[in-house]
Amino acid sequence: MAAELPPPVTDKTIRSVIIPDLADDHVANLTNKPMPQLAAIAADARSQGIELSIVVVPGNPGHDSSLRDLATEVGKSEHGTVVVFSDDWLGTYSDSISRVRLEWAEDAAKYKGGGHTAEAAQIFVDRLESGYDLSWTGITSVLLAGTVLGIGGLYLLKSRRRSSESEGAAPVSGSAPQ
């Protein structure tokens, strides 16, 4: 399926503007607003082991999914993690971080408004650095304990039913009912 890129981005813009702009400080800003903090945020993320590239586009596209499409297109050339910010949304791509963890970090960084891209970027990076760890051992232990308790409870119910049925049974007298 063809990528839907947010206006004013085209395939040519990616090759001739975004990729070359990312080469020096890992930030490509397509807006007219200066955002010097973004280079420091990208550098900090890289020092923490997150190969981050930041792209900023003006306005909001018709669909927020087009930001993910743009991040994916940029990610074909720039390895690591690419985050694309619009005024209120962001889209991500990563060849090293799971989609679940990316979206968890995205959720906290959305809807910061056009003038707060650096704040949104810092929130995004902070969430990635803090990690999103599910304890599969804990989840498995809870499920296993629930299964054992369920089986034990069913065993007790059947035992009680069996003993109440055996106590309530009258001796058979040998004659047929009439």
N, C-alpha and C. Protein backbone atom coordinates (compact mmCIF):
# COMPACT_ATOMS: atom_id res chain seq x y z
N MET A 1 0.85 -1.17 0.00
CA MET A 1 0.00 0.00 0.00
C MET A 1 0.89 1.24 0.00
N ALA A 2 0.59 2.20 -0.83
CA ALA A 2 1.40 3.40 -0.94
C ALA A 2 1.27 4.25 0.32
N ALA A 3 2.37 4.85 0.69
CA ALA A 3 2.36 5.71 1.87
C ALA A 3 1.62 7.00 1.56
N GLU A 4 0.85 7.45 2.54
CA GLU A 4 0.18 8.75 2.41
C GLU A 4 0.99 9.74 3.24
N LEU A 5 1.68 10.62 2.55
CA LEU A 5 2.55 11.57 3.22
C LEU A 5 1.79 12.85 3.53
N PRO A 6 2.09 13.46 4.68
CA PRO A 6 1.39 14.70 5.03
C PRO A 6 1.84 15.85 4.14
N PRO A 7 0.92 16.76 3.78
CA PRO A 7 1.34 17.92 3.00
C PRO A 7 2.30 18.75 3.84
N PRO A 8 3.28 19.38 3.36
CA PRO A 8 3.74 19.54 1.98
C PRO A 8 4.80 18.53 1.59
N VAL A 9 4.87 17.37 2.26
CA VAL A 9 5.94 16.41 2.05
C VAL A 9 5.64 15.53 0.83
N THR A 10 6.66 15.32 0.03
CA THR A 10 6.59 14.40 -1.11
C THR A 10 7.79 13.47 -1.03
N ASP A 11 7.82 12.48 -1.92
CA ASP A 11 8.99 11.60 -1.97
C ASP A 11 10.26 12.41 -2.26
N LYS A 12 10.12 13.41 -3.11
CA LYS A 12 11.26 14.26 -3.45
C LYS A 12 11.72 15.05 -2.23
N THR A 13 10.77 15.54 -1.42
CA THR A 13 11.12 16.27 -0.20
C THR A 13 11.91 15.38 0.75
N ILE A 14 11.51 14.13 0.84
CA ILE A 14 12.22 13.20 1.73
C ILE A 14 13.67 13.07 1.29
N ARG A 15 13.87 12.82 -0.01
CA ARG A 15 15.23 12.61 -0.53
C ARG A 15 16.08 13.88 -0.55
N SER A 16 15.47 15.03 -0.91
CA SER A 16 16.27 16.23 -1.12
C SER A 16 16.33 17.16 0.08
N VAL A 17 15.39 17.05 1.02
CA VAL A 17 15.38 17.97 2.16
C VAL A 17 15.54 17.24 3.49
N ILE A 18 14.67 16.28 3.76
CA ILE A 18 14.64 15.65 5.09
C ILE A 18 15.90 14.83 5.37
N ILE A 19 16.24 13.89 4.48
CA ILE A 19 17.40 13.02 4.72
C ILE A 19 18.69 13.84 4.85
N PRO A 20 18.97 14.80 3.94
CA PRO A 20 20.18 15.60 4.13
C PRO A 20 20.16 16.44 5.41
N ASP A 21 18.98 16.93 5.80
CA ASP A 21 18.88 17.74 7.02
C ASP A 21 19.12 16.90 8.27
N LEU A 22 18.76 15.64 8.24
CA LEU A 22 18.99 14.76 9.39
C LEU A 22 20.47 14.42 9.58
N ALA A 23 21.26 14.56 8.53
CA ALA A 23 22.66 14.13 8.57
C ALA A 23 23.49 14.86 9.63
N ASP A 24 23.23 16.14 9.85
CA ASP A 24 24.10 16.88 10.77
C ASP A 24 23.72 16.73 12.24
N ASP A 25 22.43 16.90 12.59
CA ASP A 25 22.05 16.86 14.00
C ASP A 25 20.86 15.95 14.30
N HIS A 26 20.46 15.14 13.32
CA HIS A 26 19.36 14.17 13.46
C HIS A 26 18.01 14.85 13.65
N VAL A 27 17.90 16.09 13.16
CA VAL A 27 16.65 16.84 13.22
C VAL A 27 16.39 17.45 11.85
N ALA A 28 15.16 17.29 11.35
CA ALA A 28 14.72 17.95 10.12
C ALA A 28 13.47 18.74 10.48
N ASN A 29 13.55 20.05 10.40
CA ASN A 29 12.45 20.93 10.77
C ASN A 29 11.91 21.59 9.50
N LEU A 30 10.69 21.21 9.08
CA LEU A 30 10.09 21.77 7.88
C LEU A 30 9.21 22.97 8.18
N THR A 31 9.18 23.41 9.42
CA THR A 31 8.40 24.58 9.80
C THR A 31 9.29 25.82 9.74
N ASN A 32 8.72 26.97 9.87
CA ASN A 32 9.49 28.21 9.92
C ASN A 32 9.88 28.58 11.35
N LYS A 33 9.56 27.74 12.29
CA LYS A 33 9.83 28.03 13.70
C LYS A 33 11.18 27.44 14.11
N PRO A 34 12.05 28.23 14.70
CA PRO A 34 13.32 27.67 15.18
C PRO A 34 13.08 26.78 16.41
N MET A 35 13.71 25.62 16.42
CA MET A 35 13.57 24.68 17.53
C MET A 35 14.94 24.09 17.87
N PRO A 36 15.83 24.91 18.45
CA PRO A 36 17.19 24.43 18.73
C PRO A 36 17.25 23.32 19.77
N GLN A 37 16.23 23.21 20.63
CA GLN A 37 16.24 22.18 21.69
C GLN A 37 16.16 20.77 21.12
N LEU A 38 15.59 20.63 19.92
CA LEU A 38 15.39 19.29 19.35
C LEU A 38 16.72 18.58 19.11
N ALA A 39 17.74 19.30 18.68
CA ALA A 39 19.05 18.69 18.45
C ALA A 39 19.62 18.14 19.76
N ALA A 40 19.45 18.88 20.84
CA ALA A 40 19.94 18.41 22.15
C ALA A 40 19.16 17.18 22.61
N ILE A 41 17.86 17.16 22.35
CA ILE A 41 17.03 16.01 22.74
C ILE A 41 17.45 14.78 21.95
N ALA A 42 17.67 14.94 20.64
CA ALA A 42 18.11 13.82 19.80
C ALA A 42 19.48 13.32 20.25
N ALA A 43 20.39 14.25 20.58
CA ALA A 43 21.73 13.87 21.03
C ALA A 43 21.66 13.12 22.36
N ASP A 44 20.80 13.59 23.27
CA ASP A 44 20.65 12.93 24.56
C ASP A 44 20.10 11.51 24.38
N ALA A 45 19.11 11.36 23.51
CA ALA A 45 18.54 10.04 23.26
C ALA A 45 19.61 9.10 22.69
N ARG A 46 20.41 9.61 21.78
CA ARG A 46 21.47 8.80 21.18
C ARG A 46 22.51 8.40 22.23
N SER A 47 22.79 9.29 23.19
CA SER A 47 23.74 8.95 24.24
C SER A 47 23.19 7.87 25.16
N GLN A 48 21.87 7.72 25.18
CA GLN A 48 21.21 6.69 26.00
C GLN A 48 20.96 5.40 25.21
N GLY A 49 21.46 5.37 23.95
CA GLY A 49 21.33 4.14 23.16
C GLY A 49 20.11 4.10 22.24
N ILE A 50 19.37 5.20 22.14
CA ILE A 50 18.21 5.26 21.24
C ILE A 50 18.63 6.06 20.02
N GLU A 51 18.76 5.40 18.87
CA GLU A 51 19.17 6.07 17.63
C GLU A 51 17.99 6.86 17.10
N LEU A 52 17.80 8.07 17.61
CA LEU A 52 16.61 8.87 17.32
C LEU A 52 16.87 9.91 16.24
N SER A 53 15.90 10.00 15.31
CA SER A 53 15.86 11.07 14.31
C SER A 53 14.50 11.75 14.45
N ILE A 54 14.50 13.09 14.45
CA ILE A 54 13.27 13.86 14.66
C ILE A 54 12.95 14.65 13.40
N VAL A 55 11.69 14.55 12.95
CA VAL A 55 11.21 15.32 11.81
C VAL A 55 10.00 16.12 12.29
N VAL A 56 9.96 17.40 11.93
CA VAL A 56 8.83 18.26 12.31
C VAL A 56 8.19 18.80 11.03
N VAL A 57 6.86 18.59 10.91
CA VAL A 57 6.12 19.10 9.75
C VAL A 57 5.12 20.15 10.24
N PRO A 58 4.79 21.12 9.38
CA PRO A 58 3.84 22.16 9.80
C PRO A 58 2.41 21.65 9.80
N GLY A 59 1.58 22.19 10.70
CA GLY A 59 0.16 21.87 10.74
C GLY A 59 -0.10 20.44 11.15
N ASN A 60 -1.34 20.00 10.90
CA ASN A 60 -1.73 18.61 11.14
C ASN A 60 -2.22 18.03 9.81
N PRO A 61 -1.80 16.82 9.48
CA PRO A 61 -2.29 16.21 8.25
C PRO A 61 -3.76 15.79 8.40
N GLY A 62 -4.37 15.39 7.31
CA GLY A 62 -5.76 14.93 7.36
C GLY A 62 -5.94 13.71 8.25
N HIS A 63 -4.96 12.83 8.26
CA HIS A 63 -4.99 11.63 9.10
C HIS A 63 -3.67 11.52 9.84
N ASP A 64 -3.73 11.19 11.11
CA ASP A 64 -2.49 11.07 11.87
C ASP A 64 -1.64 9.90 11.40
N SER A 65 -2.26 8.92 10.73
CA SER A 65 -1.50 7.77 10.23
C SER A 65 -0.50 8.17 9.15
N SER A 66 -0.72 9.31 8.49
CA SER A 66 0.24 9.74 7.47
C SER A 66 1.58 10.13 8.10
N LEU A 67 1.57 10.50 9.38
CA LEU A 67 2.83 10.79 10.07
C LEU A 67 3.64 9.50 10.27
N ARG A 68 2.95 8.41 10.56
CA ARG A 68 3.63 7.12 10.68
C ARG A 68 4.17 6.70 9.32
N ASP A 69 3.39 6.95 8.26
CA ASP A 69 3.86 6.62 6.91
C ASP A 69 5.13 7.39 6.58
N LEU A 70 5.17 8.67 6.93
CA LEU A 70 6.36 9.48 6.69
C LEU A 70 7.54 8.95 7.51
N ALA A 71 7.30 8.62 8.77
CA ALA A 71 8.36 8.07 9.61
C ALA A 71 8.90 6.77 9.02
N THR A 72 8.02 5.95 8.48
CA THR A 72 8.44 4.69 7.86
C THR A 72 9.28 4.95 6.61
N GLU A 73 8.87 5.91 5.80
CA GLU A 73 9.63 6.25 4.59
C GLU A 73 11.01 6.78 4.96
N VAL A 74 11.09 7.64 5.96
CA VAL A 74 12.39 8.17 6.40
C VAL A 74 13.21 7.04 7.01
N GLY A 75 12.56 6.14 7.74
CA GLY A 75 13.24 5.02 8.38
C GLY A 75 13.90 4.07 7.40
N LYS A 76 13.46 4.08 6.15
CA LYS A 76 14.11 3.24 5.14
C LYS A 76 15.53 3.70 4.86
N SER A 77 15.80 4.99 5.08
CA SER A 77 17.14 5.54 4.87
C SER A 77 17.89 5.75 6.18
N GLU A 78 17.17 6.20 7.19
CA GLU A 78 17.76 6.46 8.51
C GLU A 78 17.42 5.29 9.42
N HIS A 79 18.41 4.56 9.84
CA HIS A 79 18.13 3.41 10.70
C HIS A 79 17.92 3.88 12.13
N GLY A 80 17.27 3.06 12.92
CA GLY A 80 16.98 3.42 14.30
C GLY A 80 15.52 3.79 14.46
N THR A 81 15.27 4.83 15.21
CA THR A 81 13.91 5.27 15.52
C THR A 81 13.68 6.65 14.92
N VAL A 82 12.57 6.80 14.20
CA VAL A 82 12.21 8.07 13.58
C VAL A 82 10.88 8.51 14.19
N VAL A 83 10.83 9.74 14.65
CA VAL A 83 9.58 10.30 15.16
C VAL A 83 9.27 11.56 14.34
N VAL A 84 8.02 11.65 13.85
CA VAL A 84 7.57 12.79 13.06
C VAL A 84 6.51 13.52 13.86
N PHE A 85 6.74 14.80 14.11
CA PHE A 85 5.81 15.63 14.86
C PHE A 85 5.06 16.57 13.93
N SER A 86 3.75 16.70 14.15
CA SER A 86 2.96 17.77 13.55
C SER A 86 2.56 18.66 14.73
N ASP A 87 1.61 19.57 14.53
CA ASP A 87 1.23 20.45 15.64
C ASP A 87 0.68 19.68 16.84
N ASP A 88 -0.16 18.68 16.60
CA ASP A 88 -0.80 17.96 17.72
C ASP A 88 -0.52 16.47 17.76
N TRP A 89 -0.01 15.91 16.68
CA TRP A 89 0.15 14.46 16.59
C TRP A 89 1.60 14.09 16.36
N LEU A 90 1.86 12.80 16.41
CA LEU A 90 3.15 12.30 16.02
C LEU A 90 3.01 10.89 15.47
N GLY A 91 3.96 10.52 14.66
CA GLY A 91 4.01 9.17 14.10
C GLY A 91 5.42 8.65 14.25
N THR A 92 5.54 7.35 14.39
CA THR A 92 6.85 6.78 14.67
C THR A 92 7.14 5.56 13.81
N TYR A 93 8.41 5.28 13.71
CA TYR A 93 8.91 4.05 13.09
C TYR A 93 10.18 3.68 13.84
N SER A 94 10.40 2.40 14.02
CA SER A 94 11.65 1.97 14.63
C SER A 94 11.99 0.57 14.18
N ASP A 95 13.27 0.35 13.93
CA ASP A 95 13.72 -1.00 13.61
C ASP A 95 14.30 -1.70 14.85
N SER A 96 14.21 -1.03 16.02
CA SER A 96 14.78 -1.61 17.23
C SER A 96 13.85 -1.56 18.44
N ILE A 97 12.78 -0.79 18.38
CA ILE A 97 11.86 -0.65 19.51
C ILE A 97 10.49 -1.17 19.07
N SER A 98 9.84 -1.91 19.94
CA SER A 98 8.55 -2.51 19.59
C SER A 98 7.47 -1.45 19.38
N ARG A 99 6.49 -1.79 18.56
CA ARG A 99 5.37 -0.89 18.27
C ARG A 99 4.61 -0.56 19.55
N VAL A 100 4.45 -1.53 20.44
CA VAL A 100 3.73 -1.29 21.70
C VAL A 100 4.44 -0.22 22.53
N ARG A 101 5.74 -0.35 22.64
CA ARG A 101 6.52 0.62 23.43
C ARG A 101 6.50 2.00 22.76
N LEU A 102 6.59 2.03 21.41
CA LEU A 102 6.52 3.31 20.70
C LEU A 102 5.19 4.01 20.94
N GLU A 103 4.09 3.26 20.82
CA GLU A 103 2.77 3.87 21.00
C GLU A 103 2.54 4.29 22.44
N TRP A 104 3.12 3.57 23.38
CA TRP A 104 3.02 3.96 24.78
C TRP A 104 3.71 5.31 24.99
N ALA A 105 4.85 5.50 24.36
CA ALA A 105 5.57 6.78 24.46
C ALA A 105 4.83 7.87 23.68
N GLU A 106 4.24 7.50 22.53
CA GLU A 106 3.48 8.47 21.72
C GLU A 106 2.30 9.04 22.50
N ASP A 107 1.57 8.19 23.18
CA ASP A 107 0.34 8.61 23.87
C ASP A 107 0.60 9.76 24.84
N ALA A 108 1.71 9.72 25.52
CA ALA A 108 2.01 10.77 26.49
C ALA A 108 2.45 12.07 25.82
N ALA A 109 2.95 11.98 24.58
CA ALA A 109 3.52 13.15 23.91
C ALA A 109 2.54 13.86 22.97
N LYS A 110 1.39 13.28 22.72
CA LYS A 110 0.43 13.88 21.78
C LYS A 110 -0.25 15.10 22.38
N TYR A 111 -0.79 15.93 21.50
CA TYR A 111 -1.65 17.06 21.85
C TYR A 111 -0.97 18.11 22.72
N LYS A 112 0.27 18.43 22.40
CA LYS A 112 0.98 19.48 23.14
C LYS A 112 0.87 20.83 22.46
N GLY A 113 0.32 20.87 21.25
CA GLY A 113 0.16 22.14 20.53
C GLY A 113 1.39 22.49 19.72
N GLY A 114 1.20 23.28 18.66
CA GLY A 114 2.24 23.60 17.71
C GLY A 114 3.48 24.24 18.29
N GLY A 115 3.36 24.98 19.35
CA GLY A 115 4.52 25.65 19.92
C GLY A 115 5.28 24.82 20.92
N HIS A 116 4.88 23.60 21.13
CA HIS A 116 5.46 22.79 22.19
C HIS A 116 6.06 21.48 21.69
N THR A 117 6.64 21.52 20.50
CA THR A 117 7.22 20.31 19.92
C THR A 117 8.39 19.80 20.76
N ALA A 118 9.21 20.70 21.27
CA ALA A 118 10.35 20.27 22.09
C ALA A 118 9.87 19.58 23.36
N GLU A 119 8.81 20.09 23.97
CA GLU A 119 8.25 19.45 25.16
C GLU A 119 7.73 18.05 24.82
N ALA A 120 7.03 17.94 23.70
CA ALA A 120 6.50 16.63 23.27
C ALA A 120 7.65 15.67 22.98
N ALA A 121 8.70 16.15 22.33
CA ALA A 121 9.85 15.31 22.02
C ALA A 121 10.53 14.81 23.29
N GLN A 122 10.66 15.70 24.28
CA GLN A 122 11.29 15.30 25.54
C GLN A 122 10.45 14.25 26.27
N ILE A 123 9.14 14.42 26.26
CA ILE A 123 8.25 13.44 26.89
C ILE A 123 8.39 12.09 26.19
N PHE A 124 8.41 12.12 24.86
CA PHE A 124 8.55 10.90 24.07
C PHE A 124 9.85 10.18 24.43
N VAL A 125 10.96 10.90 24.45
CA VAL A 125 12.26 10.31 24.76
C VAL A 125 12.30 9.81 26.20
N ASP A 126 11.77 10.58 27.13
CA ASP A 126 11.75 10.15 28.53
C ASP A 126 11.01 8.83 28.70
N ARG A 127 9.89 8.69 28.00
CA ARG A 127 9.13 7.43 28.09
C ARG A 127 9.92 6.28 27.49
N LEU A 128 10.60 6.53 26.36
CA LEU A 128 11.40 5.46 25.75
C LEU A 128 12.56 5.06 26.66
N GLU A 129 13.18 6.04 27.28
CA GLU A 129 14.31 5.75 28.17
C GLU A 129 13.88 5.02 29.43
N SER A 130 12.68 5.35 29.93
CA SER A 130 12.22 4.70 31.16
C SER A 130 11.82 3.26 30.90
N GLY A 131 11.50 2.95 29.67
CA GLY A 131 11.17 1.57 29.31
C GLY A 131 9.71 1.25 29.54
N TYR A 132 9.31 0.24 28.86
CA TYR A 132 7.95 -0.28 28.97
C TYR A 132 8.11 -1.76 29.16
N ASP A 133 8.24 -2.17 30.39
CA ASP A 133 8.53 -3.57 30.66
C ASP A 133 7.33 -4.27 31.27
N LEU A 134 6.88 -5.26 30.57
CA LEU A 134 5.87 -6.14 31.13
C LEU A 134 6.61 -7.29 31.79
N SER A 135 6.18 -7.64 32.96
CA SER A 135 6.79 -8.77 33.63
C SER A 135 6.05 -10.03 33.21
N TRP A 136 6.58 -10.69 32.19
CA TRP A 136 5.92 -11.90 31.71
C TRP A 136 5.98 -12.99 32.78
N THR A 137 6.98 -12.99 33.63
CA THR A 137 7.05 -13.95 34.72
C THR A 137 5.91 -13.70 35.70
N GLY A 138 5.67 -12.45 36.02
CA GLY A 138 4.56 -12.11 36.93
C GLY A 138 3.20 -12.46 36.33
N ILE A 139 3.01 -12.14 35.06
CA ILE A 139 1.74 -12.45 34.39
C ILE A 139 1.52 -13.95 34.35
N THR A 140 2.56 -14.70 34.00
CA THR A 140 2.45 -16.17 33.95
C THR A 140 2.16 -16.73 35.33
N SER A 141 2.81 -16.19 36.36
CA SER A 141 2.58 -16.68 37.73
C SER A 141 1.14 -16.45 38.17
N VAL A 142 0.60 -15.28 37.87
CA VAL A 142 -0.79 -14.98 38.23
C VAL A 142 -1.75 -15.92 37.50
N LEU A 143 -1.52 -16.12 36.20
CA LEU A 143 -2.39 -17.03 35.45
C LEU A 143 -2.29 -18.46 35.96
N LEU A 144 -1.09 -18.91 36.27
CA LEU A 144 -0.89 -20.26 36.79
C LEU A 144 -1.57 -20.42 38.16
N ALA A 145 -1.40 -19.44 39.04
CA ALA A 145 -2.04 -19.50 40.36
C ALA A 145 -3.56 -19.52 40.21
N GLY A 146 -4.10 -18.70 39.30
CA GLY A 146 -5.55 -18.70 39.07
C GLY A 146 -6.05 -20.05 38.57
N THR A 147 -5.29 -20.67 37.70
CA THR A 147 -5.67 -21.99 37.18
C THR A 147 -5.66 -23.03 38.30
N VAL A 148 -4.61 -23.02 39.12
CA VAL A 148 -4.52 -23.98 40.23
C VAL A 148 -5.67 -23.76 41.22
N LEU A 149 -5.98 -22.52 41.55
CA LEU A 149 -7.09 -22.24 42.46
C LEU A 149 -8.42 -22.67 41.85
N GLY A 150 -8.59 -22.45 40.57
CA GLY A 150 -9.83 -22.86 39.90
C GLY A 150 -10.00 -24.37 39.93
N ILE A 151 -8.94 -25.10 39.64
CA ILE A 151 -9.01 -26.58 39.66
C ILE A 151 -9.27 -27.06 41.09
N GLY A 152 -8.59 -26.47 42.07
CA GLY A 152 -8.80 -26.85 43.47
C GLY A 152 -10.23 -26.58 43.91
N GLY A 153 -10.78 -25.43 43.50
CA GLY A 153 -12.17 -25.10 43.85
C GLY A 153 -13.15 -26.08 43.24
N LEU A 154 -12.95 -26.44 41.98
CA LEU A 154 -13.83 -27.43 41.34
C LEU A 154 -13.74 -28.78 42.04
N TYR A 155 -12.55 -29.19 42.45
CA TYR A 155 -12.37 -30.45 43.17
C TYR A 155 -13.16 -30.44 44.47
N LEU A 156 -13.08 -29.33 45.24
CA LEU A 156 -13.82 -29.23 46.50
C LEU A 156 -15.33 -29.29 46.26
N LEU A 157 -15.82 -28.59 45.26
CA LEU A 157 -17.25 -28.61 44.95
C LEU A 157 -17.73 -30.02 44.61
N LYS A 158 -16.97 -30.72 43.79
CA LYS A 158 -17.36 -32.09 43.42
C LYS A 158 -17.31 -33.02 44.64
N SER A 159 -16.32 -32.86 45.51
CA SER A 159 -16.22 -33.70 46.71
C SER A 159 -17.42 -33.48 47.62
N ARG A 160 -17.80 -32.23 47.82
CA ARG A 160 -18.94 -31.93 48.68
C ARG A 160 -20.24 -32.49 48.08
N ARG A 161 -20.39 -32.33 46.78
CA ARG A 161 -21.60 -32.83 46.13
C ARG A 161 -21.67 -34.35 46.26
N ARG A 162 -20.54 -35.02 46.05
CA ARG A 162 -20.50 -36.47 46.15
C ARG A 162 -20.84 -36.93 47.56
N SER A 163 -20.31 -36.27 48.61
CA SER A 163 -20.59 -36.70 49.98
C SER A 163 -22.01 -36.37 50.38
N SER A 164 -22.59 -35.26 49.89
CA SER A 164 -23.98 -34.97 50.23
C SER A 164 -24.93 -35.92 49.52
N GLU A 165 -24.57 -36.37 48.33
CA GLU A 165 -25.42 -37.33 47.61
C GLU A 165 -25.37 -38.70 48.29
N SER A 166 -24.20 -39.09 48.79
CA SER A 166 -24.09 -40.40 49.43
C SER A 166 -24.77 -40.40 50.80
N GLU A 167 -24.79 -39.27 51.51
CA GLU A 167 -25.47 -39.20 52.81
C GLU A 167 -26.98 -39.17 52.63
N GLY A 168 -27.48 -38.59 51.57
CA GLY A 168 -28.91 -38.45 51.36
C GLY A 168 -29.55 -39.66 50.69
N ALA A 169 -28.79 -40.65 50.32
CA ALA A 169 -29.36 -41.83 49.63
C ALA A 169 -29.98 -42.78 50.65
N ALA A 170 -31.22 -43.18 50.44
CA ALA A 170 -31.91 -44.12 51.35
C ALA A 170 -31.60 -45.55 50.94
N PRO A 171 -31.57 -46.44 51.90
CA PRO A 171 -31.32 -47.84 51.56
C PRO A 171 -32.46 -48.39 50.69
N VAL A 172 -32.11 -49.21 49.76
CA VAL A 172 -33.08 -49.80 48.82
C VAL A 172 -33.68 -51.04 49.49
N SER A 173 -35.04 -51.18 49.47
CA SER A 173 -35.70 -52.26 50.19
C SER A 173 -36.00 -53.48 49.33
N GLY A 174 -35.77 -53.45 48.13
CA GLY A 174 -35.97 -54.64 47.31
C GLY A 174 -37.35 -54.71 46.68
N SER A 175 -38.31 -53.95 47.15
CA SER A 175 -39.63 -53.98 46.52
C SER A 175 -39.73 -52.85 45.51
N ALA A 176 -40.50 -53.09 44.50
CA ALA A 176 -40.70 -52.09 43.46
C ALA A 176 -41.74 -51.10 43.89
N PRO A 177 -41.57 -49.87 43.53
CA PRO A 177 -42.58 -48.86 43.89
C PRO A 177 -43.87 -49.10 43.17
N GLN A 178 -44.95 -48.66 43.77
CA GLN A 178 -46.26 -48.90 43.18
C GLN A 178 -46.93 -47.68 42.71
